Amino acid sequence: MSCSRNIKTVGKIRQIVRPKFETQRQKTTLAPAPAMPEVVPAFWRDVLLAASIPTNGAGCESAVKPAAQYSYRQRLFGFEAQLSALSAMLSGIGQRLLFVPAPELFAAPSSYRPFERFIAPERSNVGLVHLRLGMARHARLLKGARNVMLSAEAEILPPLGPQSHPFASGQVVPSGFAEQFVYYPEQMPLRRFGNRECARAVLPAGAAMTDVREALARHPAMEPAEAAEITPKLCAARGLFGCSFAEFDAEEWRGTEPARMTAHSADWRRAFALARESGAGGMPAHPFILLAWNLGNPASMLPALVLRLCRSEHLRNSPLRVVLFPFNETWETAQAVPQLVEQVRNETLRPQILRSIFLARLSRPEALPLLPALFACGWIEGADPERFFTLARLNALRIPAMMLASPEEFRFSSTFALHQTIPPDEELRLRVSDQFGERIHLVPSLSHRALADVLLRSEEMLRQRFIPARQMHHAEMFAIHAA
């Protein structure tokens, strides 16, 4: 494919746990990367670049605006992270990216006038390129532009039976998309409507975490030895907000920057205070686990996993605190987080559990350097279509990652550093009903016993990360006394 310039809600889910099914221990396959053309720098020059993402209503105050003015809700993962990374990458080569919240609204000639104020007089004949980010099942076209699907998705768990809607599979996009850009060659190829495959090209290496690397260059990543210096107030000042399931407020969560959520969350402050006390006593300072939850994945096992975790004794007896980072929130999935919290509240008999599991949001890049010191490890759902993109960003932050319940037929790549892979030992039957109709997914999952093993392995990862930091602290103290 030539990349040179040529321009003129997830519905209610009913969960049925099936008996343990036959499975083998996950074999990590280092799949060879298929040969693929790279998006060359010339593609981005002498064009007007506009990006869009699935929206939940935020950022819709104008038809077109600079992407730098977009108010992020969760820029750590998902399509908002893609927007952040793409904007940083283009800024690095001197190109500006525009943001259009609703590309499908441009039709009549007069509707394109908002673009005119971003075109210099000497570039009156510039072409328009529209990059659609996010899930393929939510693709939208901008008429009159060259439409490119920038996808972060790998294999997707297909539903049982025939498809009732052409776009329900997540592998088909409207025929107006002639090209697909990917971050990694191992990602899933997309087909245009009519069963024609899109021409594909891969972005330059590191494109998935350009914004992360920029943030770490401005503010060096904090080490585990410095974790005791991090407070909820510092987190909120940099754009990291959190609260427990016990204190969750749906209205506050819908806000862009829920600073009040952090300030009023006694459980969040208590978790940091207890961590500082344990750190002073020689224990790991911040025993937090980062759990990435893709709300845009209709076949996600994570709601069931969180329920199982809260029902079990394992979390109550563990020093670890699980922090969920929901991402890919749209108007269709806006109720997914409140519904899960309500379900956990109704089914958990011990209120203390609700005070030990948290929800978090990262809205500004200044908070990214805090994460390596806060989190012992990250959990990624093995069947999540965006697992490569999520894993790449955890790698950039040097947070060890565990892949949970990955299907055996899904490929891995030597491109990524994966600490451990936990094979599935159970299966869920999920019935999903949304705008694409009703579907049933068979989803690999983890039993109570496997979940206990995950927690034990995570505790060991925490100790392994803490030991080097502790040794460094002792070496510093020895040097001080020696002087």
Protein backbone atom coordinates (compact mmCIF):
# COMPACT_ATOMS: atom_id res chain seq x y z
CA MET A 1 0.00 0.00 0.00
CA SER A 2 1.28 3.44 -0.83
CA CYS A 3 1.04 5.93 2.02
CA SER A 4 2.14 8.95 0.03
CA ARG A 5 -0.14 11.98 -0.12
CA ASN A 6 -3.12 11.52 -2.43
CA ILE A 7 -5.86 13.77 -1.10
CA LYS A 8 -8.36 16.02 -3.39
CA THR A 9 -23.50 0.89 25.51
CA VAL A 10 -23.02 -2.25 26.48
CA GLY A 11 -26.47 -3.61 27.26
CA LYS A 12 -27.38 -5.51 30.39
CA ILE A 13 -25.31 -8.68 30.62
CA ARG A 14 -26.61 -11.87 32.12
CA GLN A 15 -23.84 -14.15 33.32
CA ILE A 16 -24.05 -17.93 33.47
CA VAL A 17 -21.02 -19.68 34.93
CA ARG A 18 -20.37 -22.96 33.19
CA PRO A 19 -18.47 -25.90 34.70
CA LYS A 20 -14.73 -26.08 34.31
CA PHE A 21 -13.80 -27.02 30.77
CA GLU A 22 -10.77 -28.73 29.34
CA THR A 23 -7.84 -26.41 28.76
CA GLN A 24 -4.09 -26.62 28.54
CA ARG A 25 -1.66 -24.26 30.17
CA GLN A 26 -1.26 -21.18 28.01
CA LYS A 27 1.62 -21.47 25.59
CA THR A 28 3.10 -18.06 24.80
CA THR A 29 3.70 -18.00 21.05
CA LEU A 30 6.22 -15.53 19.71
CA ALA A 31 4.50 -14.91 16.42
CA PRO A 32 6.65 -13.52 13.61
CA ALA A 33 5.52 -10.04 12.64
CA PRO A 34 4.04 -10.02 9.14
CA ALA A 35 5.72 -7.75 6.62
CA MET A 36 3.77 -4.54 6.29
CA PRO A 37 4.45 -1.09 4.82
CA GLU A 38 5.07 1.72 7.28
CA VAL A 39 3.21 5.02 7.33
CA VAL A 40 5.83 7.37 5.92
CA PRO A 41 6.31 10.95 7.19
CA ALA A 42 5.15 12.35 3.83
CA PHE A 43 1.63 11.11 4.55
CA TRP A 44 1.17 13.67 7.33
CA ARG A 45 2.46 16.68 5.36
CA ASP A 46 0.43 19.22 3.42
CA VAL A 47 -2.93 17.91 4.65
CA LEU A 48 -5.44 18.98 7.26
CA LEU A 49 -5.57 16.22 9.86
CA ALA A 50 -8.71 15.58 11.90
CA ALA A 51 -9.35 12.76 14.35
CA SER A 52 -12.53 11.48 15.96
CA ILE A 53 -13.30 8.98 18.70
CA PRO A 54 -16.50 7.40 20.00
CA THR A 55 -17.99 10.08 22.21
CA ASN A 56 -19.92 10.09 25.45
CA GLY A 57 -21.01 13.68 24.86
CA ALA A 58 -17.81 15.30 26.16
CA GLY A 59 -16.00 17.79 23.95
CA CYS A 60 -19.04 18.48 21.75
CA GLU A 61 -19.19 22.24 22.36
CA SER A 62 -17.74 22.91 18.88
CA ALA A 63 -17.77 21.08 15.55
CA VAL A 64 -13.98 21.35 15.11
CA LYS A 65 -11.27 22.28 17.58
CA PRO A 66 -7.56 21.56 18.18
CA ALA A 67 -7.03 18.13 19.70
CA ALA A 68 -4.89 19.82 22.37
CA GLN A 69 -8.10 21.37 23.76
CA TYR A 70 -9.84 18.03 24.26
CA SER A 71 -10.76 17.36 27.93
CA TYR A 72 -9.65 13.81 28.68
CA ARG A 73 -11.44 11.56 31.10
CA GLN A 74 -9.20 8.47 30.88
CA ARG A 75 -6.04 9.03 28.86
CA LEU A 76 -4.18 6.02 30.23
CA PHE A 77 -5.81 3.42 27.93
CA GLY A 78 -8.35 3.14 25.13
CA PHE A 79 -9.35 5.51 22.37
CA GLU A 80 -8.59 8.60 24.48
CA ALA A 81 -5.05 7.30 24.97
CA GLN A 82 -4.84 6.80 21.20
CA LEU A 83 -5.88 10.43 20.68
CA SER A 84 -3.27 11.57 23.20
CA ALA A 85 -0.51 9.46 21.62
CA LEU A 86 -1.40 10.51 18.05
CA SER A 87 -1.51 14.19 19.00
CA ALA A 88 1.92 13.90 20.67
CA MET A 89 3.40 12.04 17.70
CA LEU A 90 2.17 14.64 15.20
CA SER A 91 3.25 17.52 17.40
CA GLY A 92 6.73 15.99 17.43
CA ILE A 93 6.96 16.33 13.63
CA GLY A 94 5.43 19.81 13.58
CA GLN A 95 1.90 18.82 12.55
CA ARG A 96 -1.33 19.91 14.23
CA LEU A 97 -4.21 17.54 14.89
CA LEU A 98 -7.83 18.68 14.97
CA PHE A 99 -10.64 16.98 16.87
CA VAL A 100 -14.14 16.47 15.46
CA PRO A 101 -16.59 14.96 17.98
CA ALA A 102 -19.20 14.03 15.36
CA PRO A 103 -17.70 13.46 11.89
CA GLU A 104 -20.99 12.08 10.52
CA LEU A 105 -22.60 15.55 10.78
CA PHE A 106 -20.51 17.03 7.94
CA ALA A 107 -22.48 16.82 4.70
CA ALA A 108 -23.59 20.12 3.14
CA PRO A 109 -20.83 22.41 1.77
CA SER A 110 -21.59 25.01 4.43
CA SER A 111 -20.96 22.49 7.22
CA TYR A 112 -17.23 22.42 6.39
CA ARG A 113 -16.72 26.12 7.19
CA PRO A 114 -15.45 25.43 10.76
CA PHE A 115 -12.35 23.87 9.14
CA GLU A 116 -11.50 27.08 7.28
CA ARG A 117 -10.11 28.90 10.31
CA PHE A 118 -7.42 26.22 10.64
CA ILE A 119 -6.21 26.57 7.03
CA ALA A 120 -3.53 29.13 6.22
CA PRO A 121 -4.34 31.37 3.18
CA GLU A 122 -1.37 30.02 1.24
CA ARG A 123 -2.68 26.44 1.70
CA SER A 124 -6.19 26.96 0.34
CA ASN A 125 -6.16 23.69 -1.66
CA VAL A 126 -5.12 21.48 1.23
CA GLY A 127 -6.78 18.06 1.48
CA LEU A 128 -8.65 16.73 4.50
CA VAL A 129 -7.70 13.44 6.19
CA HIS A 130 -9.95 11.95 8.84
CA LEU A 131 -8.49 9.38 11.26
CA ARG A 132 -11.07 7.41 13.16
CA LEU A 133 -9.73 6.04 16.46
CA GLY A 134 -11.28 3.43 18.69
CA MET A 135 -13.31 0.30 18.17
CA ALA A 136 -14.09 -0.77 14.61
CA ARG A 137 -17.69 -1.52 15.58
CA HIS A 138 -18.15 2.21 16.27
CA ALA A 139 -16.53 3.52 13.08
CA ARG A 140 -17.84 6.80 11.62
CA LEU A 141 -17.07 8.48 8.27
CA LEU A 142 -16.35 12.10 7.47
CA LYS A 143 -17.77 12.75 4.00
CA GLY A 144 -15.44 14.47 1.55
CA ALA A 145 -12.31 13.41 3.45
CA ARG A 146 -9.86 10.57 3.06
CA ASN A 147 -11.00 8.25 5.86
CA VAL A 148 -8.45 6.08 7.66
CA MET A 149 -9.27 3.65 10.47
CA LEU A 150 -6.54 3.76 13.11
CA SER A 151 -7.16 0.55 15.02
CA ALA A 152 -5.68 -0.78 18.28
CA GLU A 153 -7.60 -4.06 18.28
CA ALA A 154 -6.21 -7.57 17.92
CA GLU A 155 -8.27 -10.78 17.74
CA ILE A 156 -11.84 -10.54 18.99
CA LEU A 157 -13.87 -13.33 20.57
CA PRO A 158 -16.64 -14.00 18.02
CA PRO A 159 -20.19 -14.57 19.24
CA LEU A 160 -21.93 -17.89 18.83
CA GLY A 161 -24.03 -18.44 15.74
CA PRO A 162 -24.53 -16.22 12.69
CA GLN A 163 -24.16 -12.45 12.94
CA SER A 164 -27.43 -10.53 13.10
CA HIS A 165 -25.74 -7.21 12.22
CA PRO A 166 -22.85 -6.68 9.76
CA PHE A 167 -20.88 -4.49 12.20
CA ALA A 168 -21.49 -6.58 15.33
CA SER A 169 -18.36 -8.71 14.77
CA GLY A 170 -16.01 -5.75 15.27
CA GLN A 171 -14.11 -6.74 12.13
CA VAL A 172 -16.12 -4.82 9.50
CA VAL A 173 -16.06 -1.06 8.84
CA PRO A 174 -18.06 1.07 6.36
CA SER A 175 -16.89 0.89 2.76
CA GLY A 176 -15.68 4.51 2.89
CA PHE A 177 -12.57 3.34 4.78
CA ALA A 178 -10.00 2.33 2.17
CA GLU A 179 -7.10 2.09 4.65
CA GLN A 180 -6.35 0.78 8.09
CA PHE A 181 -3.40 1.95 10.18
CA VAL A 182 -2.23 -0.25 13.06
CA TYR A 183 0.26 0.10 15.90
CA TYR A 184 1.59 -3.46 15.58
CA PRO A 185 1.64 -5.88 12.62
CA GLU A 186 0.01 -8.62 14.74
CA GLN A 187 -3.23 -6.67 15.01
CA MET A 188 -6.44 -7.87 13.41
CA PRO A 189 -7.05 -6.87 9.76
CA LEU A 190 -10.35 -5.14 9.06
CA ARG A 191 -12.70 -5.65 6.12
CA ARG A 192 -14.81 -3.07 4.41
CA PHE A 193 -18.52 -3.66 4.01
CA GLY A 194 -18.87 -6.06 1.10
CA ASN A 195 -16.08 -8.34 2.41
CA ARG A 196 -13.20 -6.36 0.91
CA GLU A 197 -10.08 -6.17 3.07
CA CYS A 198 -8.67 -2.75 3.90
CA ALA A 199 -5.16 -1.89 2.78
CA ARG A 200 -2.97 -1.85 5.89
CA ALA A 201 0.10 0.04 7.08
CA VAL A 202 1.86 0.17 10.45
CA LEU A 203 2.68 3.34 12.37
CA PRO A 204 6.32 4.04 13.34
CA ALA A 205 7.64 2.10 16.32
CA GLY A 206 6.63 3.65 19.64
CA ALA A 207 3.57 5.45 18.25
CA ALA A 208 1.35 3.81 20.90
CA MET A 209 3.19 5.48 23.78
CA THR A 210 4.60 8.75 22.42
CA ASP A 211 2.66 10.76 25.00
CA VAL A 212 3.84 8.47 27.83
CA ARG A 213 7.47 8.93 26.85
CA GLU A 214 7.03 12.69 26.62
CA ALA A 215 5.46 12.77 30.09
CA LEU A 216 8.32 10.71 31.54
CA ALA A 217 10.86 13.01 29.88
CA ARG A 218 9.28 16.04 31.57
CA HIS A 219 8.78 14.34 34.95
CA PRO A 220 11.01 11.30 35.58
CA ALA A 221 9.16 8.21 36.75
CA MET A 222 9.08 7.81 40.51
CA GLU A 223 10.68 4.66 41.87
CA PRO A 224 9.13 2.27 44.42
CA ALA A 225 11.49 3.74 47.06
CA GLU A 226 9.75 7.11 46.57
CA ALA A 227 6.21 5.76 46.88
CA ALA A 228 5.77 7.07 50.42
CA GLU A 229 6.04 10.62 49.05
CA ILE A 230 2.92 10.18 46.92
CA THR A 231 -0.33 11.36 48.50
CA PRO A 232 -3.93 11.53 47.22
CA LYS A 233 -3.56 15.33 47.13
CA LEU A 234 -0.51 15.08 44.85
CA CYS A 235 -2.33 12.55 42.66
CA ALA A 236 -5.37 14.83 42.29
CA ALA A 237 -3.17 17.84 41.55
CA ARG A 238 -1.61 15.92 38.66
CA GLY A 239 -4.87 14.43 37.37
CA LEU A 240 -5.18 11.01 39.06
CA PHE A 241 -8.48 10.55 40.88
CA GLY A 242 -9.76 7.60 42.88
CA CYS A 243 -12.48 6.39 45.22
CA SER A 244 -13.61 3.10 46.75
CA PHE A 245 -16.68 1.12 45.71
CA ALA A 246 -18.18 2.01 49.09
CA GLU A 247 -17.91 5.76 48.40
CA PHE A 248 -18.60 5.74 44.66
CA ASP A 249 -20.99 8.47 43.48
CA ALA A 250 -22.34 8.13 39.92
CA GLU A 251 -22.87 11.88 39.39
CA GLU A 252 -19.35 12.71 40.52
CA TRP A 253 -17.91 9.96 38.31
CA ARG A 254 -19.57 11.49 35.23
CA GLY A 255 -17.65 14.73 35.75
CA THR A 256 -14.55 15.52 33.70
CA GLU A 257 -12.17 15.94 36.65
CA PRO A 258 -13.79 14.53 39.80
CA ALA A 259 -11.40 16.18 42.26
CA ARG A 260 -14.12 16.16 44.91
CA MET A 261 -14.29 12.38 44.55
CA THR A 262 -10.67 12.09 45.69
CA ALA A 263 -10.97 14.75 48.38
CA HIS A 264 -14.06 13.12 49.91
CA SER A 265 -12.87 9.53 49.62
CA ALA A 266 -11.69 8.60 53.12
CA ASP A 267 -10.99 5.08 51.88
CA TRP A 268 -8.61 6.34 49.16
CA ARG A 269 -6.75 8.47 51.72
CA ARG A 270 -6.75 5.59 54.21
CA ALA A 271 -5.20 3.23 51.65
CA PHE A 272 -2.34 5.67 51.08
CA ALA A 273 -1.84 6.22 54.82
CA LEU A 274 -1.73 2.49 55.56
CA ALA A 275 0.70 2.00 52.68
CA ARG A 276 3.02 4.68 54.09
CA GLU A 277 2.92 3.03 57.52
CA SER A 278 3.73 -0.38 56.07
CA GLY A 279 6.53 1.16 54.01
CA ALA A 280 8.05 2.68 57.16
CA GLY A 281 7.92 -0.76 58.77
CA GLY A 282 9.90 -2.42 56.01
CA MET A 283 6.97 -3.69 53.95
CA PRO A 284 6.19 -2.68 50.33
CA ALA A 285 4.96 0.90 50.33
CA HIS A 286 2.07 0.91 47.83
CA PRO A 287 0.52 -2.53 47.26
CA PHE A 288 -1.85 -1.45 44.47
CA ILE A 289 -2.85 -3.53 41.44
CA LEU A 290 -3.85 -1.76 38.22
CA LEU A 291 -6.79 -3.54 36.57
CA ALA A 292 -7.47 -2.33 33.00
CA TRP A 293 -11.19 -2.64 32.15
CA ASN A 294 -12.21 -2.15 28.51
CA LEU A 295 -15.84 -1.00 28.60
CA GLY A 296 -15.94 -1.24 24.82
CA ASN A 297 -15.43 -5.01 24.90
CA PRO A 298 -18.89 -6.65 24.98
CA ALA A 299 -17.33 -10.04 25.77
CA SER A 300 -15.43 -8.94 28.89
CA MET A 301 -15.08 -11.28 31.86
CA LEU A 302 -13.93 -8.48 34.19
CA PRO A 303 -17.32 -7.63 35.77
CA ALA A 304 -17.70 -11.31 36.69
CA LEU A 305 -14.08 -11.44 37.88
CA VAL A 306 -14.54 -8.41 40.15
CA LEU A 307 -17.71 -9.92 41.62
CA ARG A 308 -15.91 -13.18 42.27
CA LEU A 309 -12.98 -11.33 43.81
CA CYS A 310 -15.26 -9.43 46.19
CA ARG A 311 -17.16 -12.57 47.22
CA SER A 312 -14.00 -14.52 48.05
CA GLU A 313 -11.82 -14.49 51.15
CA HIS A 314 -8.71 -13.98 49.07
CA LEU A 315 -9.00 -10.21 48.70
CA ARG A 316 -9.88 -9.73 52.37
CA ASN A 317 -6.75 -11.63 53.42
CA SER A 318 -4.46 -10.01 50.87
CA PRO A 319 -2.37 -6.86 51.43
CA LEU A 320 -3.12 -5.86 47.84
CA ARG A 321 -5.65 -3.22 46.80
CA VAL A 322 -7.22 -3.58 43.35
CA VAL A 323 -7.74 -0.34 41.40
CA LEU A 324 -9.94 -0.53 38.29
CA PHE A 325 -9.20 1.83 35.40
CA PRO A 326 -12.29 1.73 33.14
CA PHE A 327 -11.67 3.00 29.61
CA ASN A 328 -13.45 3.31 26.26
CA GLU A 329 -16.47 4.87 27.92
CA THR A 330 -19.20 5.94 25.48
CA TRP A 331 -22.83 6.95 25.84
CA GLU A 332 -23.69 3.26 25.40
CA THR A 333 -21.39 2.10 28.20
CA ALA A 334 -21.96 5.02 30.58
CA GLN A 335 -23.95 2.84 32.98
CA ALA A 336 -21.48 -0.07 33.06
CA VAL A 337 -19.44 1.30 35.99
CA PRO A 338 -22.42 2.31 38.20
CA GLN A 339 -24.10 -1.03 37.45
CA LEU A 340 -21.04 -3.02 38.51
CA VAL A 341 -20.64 -0.98 41.71
CA GLU A 342 -24.31 -1.46 42.56
CA GLN A 343 -24.10 -5.18 41.90
CA VAL A 344 -21.01 -5.54 44.10
CA ARG A 345 -22.69 -3.54 46.86
CA ASN A 346 -25.78 -5.75 46.72
CA GLU A 347 -23.89 -9.05 46.67
CA THR A 348 -21.02 -8.34 49.07
CA LEU A 349 -21.76 -9.27 52.67
CA ARG A 350 -18.62 -7.70 54.16
CA PRO A 351 -18.58 -3.88 53.83
CA GLN A 352 -14.82 -3.87 54.40
CA ILE A 353 -14.35 -5.38 50.94
CA LEU A 354 -16.08 -2.37 49.37
CA ARG A 355 -13.53 -0.14 51.10
CA SER A 356 -10.61 -2.11 49.65
CA ILE A 357 -11.41 -2.04 45.93
CA PHE A 358 -11.19 1.20 43.96
CA LEU A 359 -12.04 2.99 40.73
CA ALA A 360 -9.59 5.47 39.22
CA ARG A 361 -9.26 7.88 36.34
CA LEU A 362 -6.18 9.57 34.91
CA SER A 363 -6.95 12.75 32.99
CA ARG A 364 -3.59 14.53 32.64
CA PRO A 365 -0.12 13.33 31.56
CA GLU A 366 1.55 14.77 34.68
CA ALA A 367 0.12 11.82 36.64
CA LEU A 368 1.78 9.17 34.46
CA PRO A 369 5.19 9.32 36.24
CA LEU A 370 3.46 8.48 39.54
CA LEU A 371 2.18 5.11 38.36
CA PRO A 372 5.42 3.04 38.45
CA ALA A 373 5.78 3.74 42.17
CA LEU A 374 2.09 3.21 42.97
CA PHE A 375 1.36 -0.10 41.25
CA ALA A 376 3.02 -3.42 41.92
CA CYS A 377 1.65 -4.86 38.68
CA GLY A 378 -1.08 -4.52 36.07
CA TRP A 379 -3.76 -7.05 35.19
CA ILE A 380 -4.90 -7.26 31.56
CA GLU A 381 -7.78 -9.39 30.31
CA GLY A 382 -6.34 -11.91 27.87
CA ALA A 383 -9.37 -11.69 25.54
CA ASP A 384 -9.42 -7.89 25.48
CA PRO A 385 -9.14 -6.77 21.84
CA GLU A 386 -6.85 -3.88 22.87
CA ARG A 387 -4.50 -6.01 24.98
CA PHE A 388 -1.43 -5.17 22.81
CA PHE A 389 -1.99 -1.43 23.11
CA THR A 390 -2.65 -1.66 26.87
CA LEU A 391 0.41 -3.87 27.40
CA ALA A 392 2.62 -1.50 25.41
CA ARG A 393 1.67 1.41 27.65
CA LEU A 394 2.30 -0.59 30.82
CA ASN A 395 5.68 -1.58 29.36
CA ALA A 396 6.49 2.08 28.74
CA LEU A 397 5.66 2.82 32.40
CA ARG A 398 7.73 -0.19 33.56
CA ILE A 399 4.76 -1.71 35.36
CA PRO A 400 4.96 -5.55 35.28
CA ALA A 401 1.93 -7.03 33.53
CA MET A 402 -0.06 -10.22 33.96
CA MET A 403 -2.35 -11.51 31.19
CA LEU A 404 -5.46 -13.13 32.64
CA ALA A 405 -7.37 -15.98 30.97
CA SER A 406 -6.02 -15.57 27.46
CA PRO A 407 -7.61 -17.89 24.86
CA GLU A 408 -5.13 -20.47 23.64
CA GLU A 409 -5.62 -19.55 19.99
CA PHE A 410 -4.74 -15.88 20.57
CA ARG A 411 -1.24 -14.89 19.47
CA PHE A 412 1.41 -13.10 21.46
CA SER A 413 4.42 -11.23 20.19
CA SER A 414 8.04 -10.85 21.22
CA THR A 415 7.46 -7.07 20.87
CA PHE A 416 6.02 -6.94 24.39
CA ALA A 417 7.35 -7.74 27.85
CA LEU A 418 4.83 -9.93 29.65
CA HIS A 419 5.66 -10.99 33.20
CA GLN A 420 3.18 -13.86 33.52
CA THR A 421 0.23 -15.43 31.72
CA ILE A 422 -2.55 -17.05 33.73
CA PRO A 423 -4.45 -19.66 31.65
CA PRO A 424 -8.26 -19.89 31.87
CA ASP A 425 -9.78 -22.74 33.83
CA GLU A 426 -13.44 -21.84 33.48
CA GLU A 427 -15.86 -20.46 30.90
CA LEU A 428 -18.61 -17.85 31.05
CA ARG A 429 -21.62 -17.64 28.79
CA LEU A 430 -22.42 -13.94 28.35
CA ARG A 431 -25.64 -12.76 26.78
CA VAL A 432 -25.17 -9.27 25.36
CA SER A 433 -27.92 -7.00 24.08
CA ASP A 434 -27.03 -3.66 22.49
CA GLN A 435 -27.58 -1.62 19.31
CA PHE A 436 -26.23 -4.55 17.24
CA GLY A 437 -28.82 -6.97 18.55
CA GLU A 438 -28.56 -9.90 20.95
CA ARG A 439 -25.52 -12.17 20.98
CA ILE A 440 -24.00 -14.89 23.14
CA HIS A 441 -20.26 -15.06 23.83
CA LEU A 442 -18.33 -17.94 25.39
CA VAL A 443 -15.64 -16.18 27.40
CA PRO A 444 -12.62 -17.80 29.10
CA SER A 445 -12.47 -16.95 32.78
CA LEU A 446 -10.78 -17.80 36.10
CA SER A 447 -12.12 -19.92 38.94
CA HIS A 448 -11.85 -19.04 42.65
CA ARG A 449 -8.70 -21.16 42.88
CA ALA A 450 -7.07 -19.52 39.85
CA LEU A 451 -7.96 -16.08 41.22
CA ALA A 452 -6.26 -16.92 44.51
CA ASP A 453 -3.18 -17.93 42.51
CA VAL A 454 -3.25 -14.59 40.66
CA LEU A 455 -3.25 -12.70 43.97
CA LEU A 456 -0.36 -14.77 45.33
CA ARG A 457 1.68 -14.19 42.17
CA SER A 458 0.92 -10.46 42.34
CA GLU A 459 2.13 -10.34 45.96
CA GLU A 460 5.35 -12.00 44.86
CA MET A 461 5.76 -9.44 42.06
CA LEU A 462 5.26 -6.70 44.65
CA ARG A 463 8.01 -8.14 46.85
CA GLN A 464 10.35 -8.49 43.87
CA ARG A 465 9.86 -4.84 42.95
CA PHE A 466 10.28 -3.69 46.53
CA ILE A 467 13.51 -5.59 47.28
CA PRO A 468 15.71 -3.60 44.83
CA ALA A 469 14.24 -0.34 46.15
CA ARG A 470 14.90 -1.43 49.72
CA GLN A 471 18.48 -2.43 48.88
CA MET A 472 19.03 0.98 47.28
CA HIS A 473 17.67 2.69 50.40
CA HIS A 474 20.03 0.68 52.61
CA ALA A 475 22.97 1.51 50.34
CA GLU A 476 22.13 5.23 50.55
CA MET A 477 21.88 5.09 54.33
CA PHE A 478 25.23 3.24 54.53
CA ALA A 479 26.85 5.91 52.35
CA ILE A 480 25.45 8.66 54.60
CA HIS A 481 26.77 7.02 57.76
CA ALA A 482 30.11 6.31 56.13
CA ALA A 483 30.48 9.96 55.21
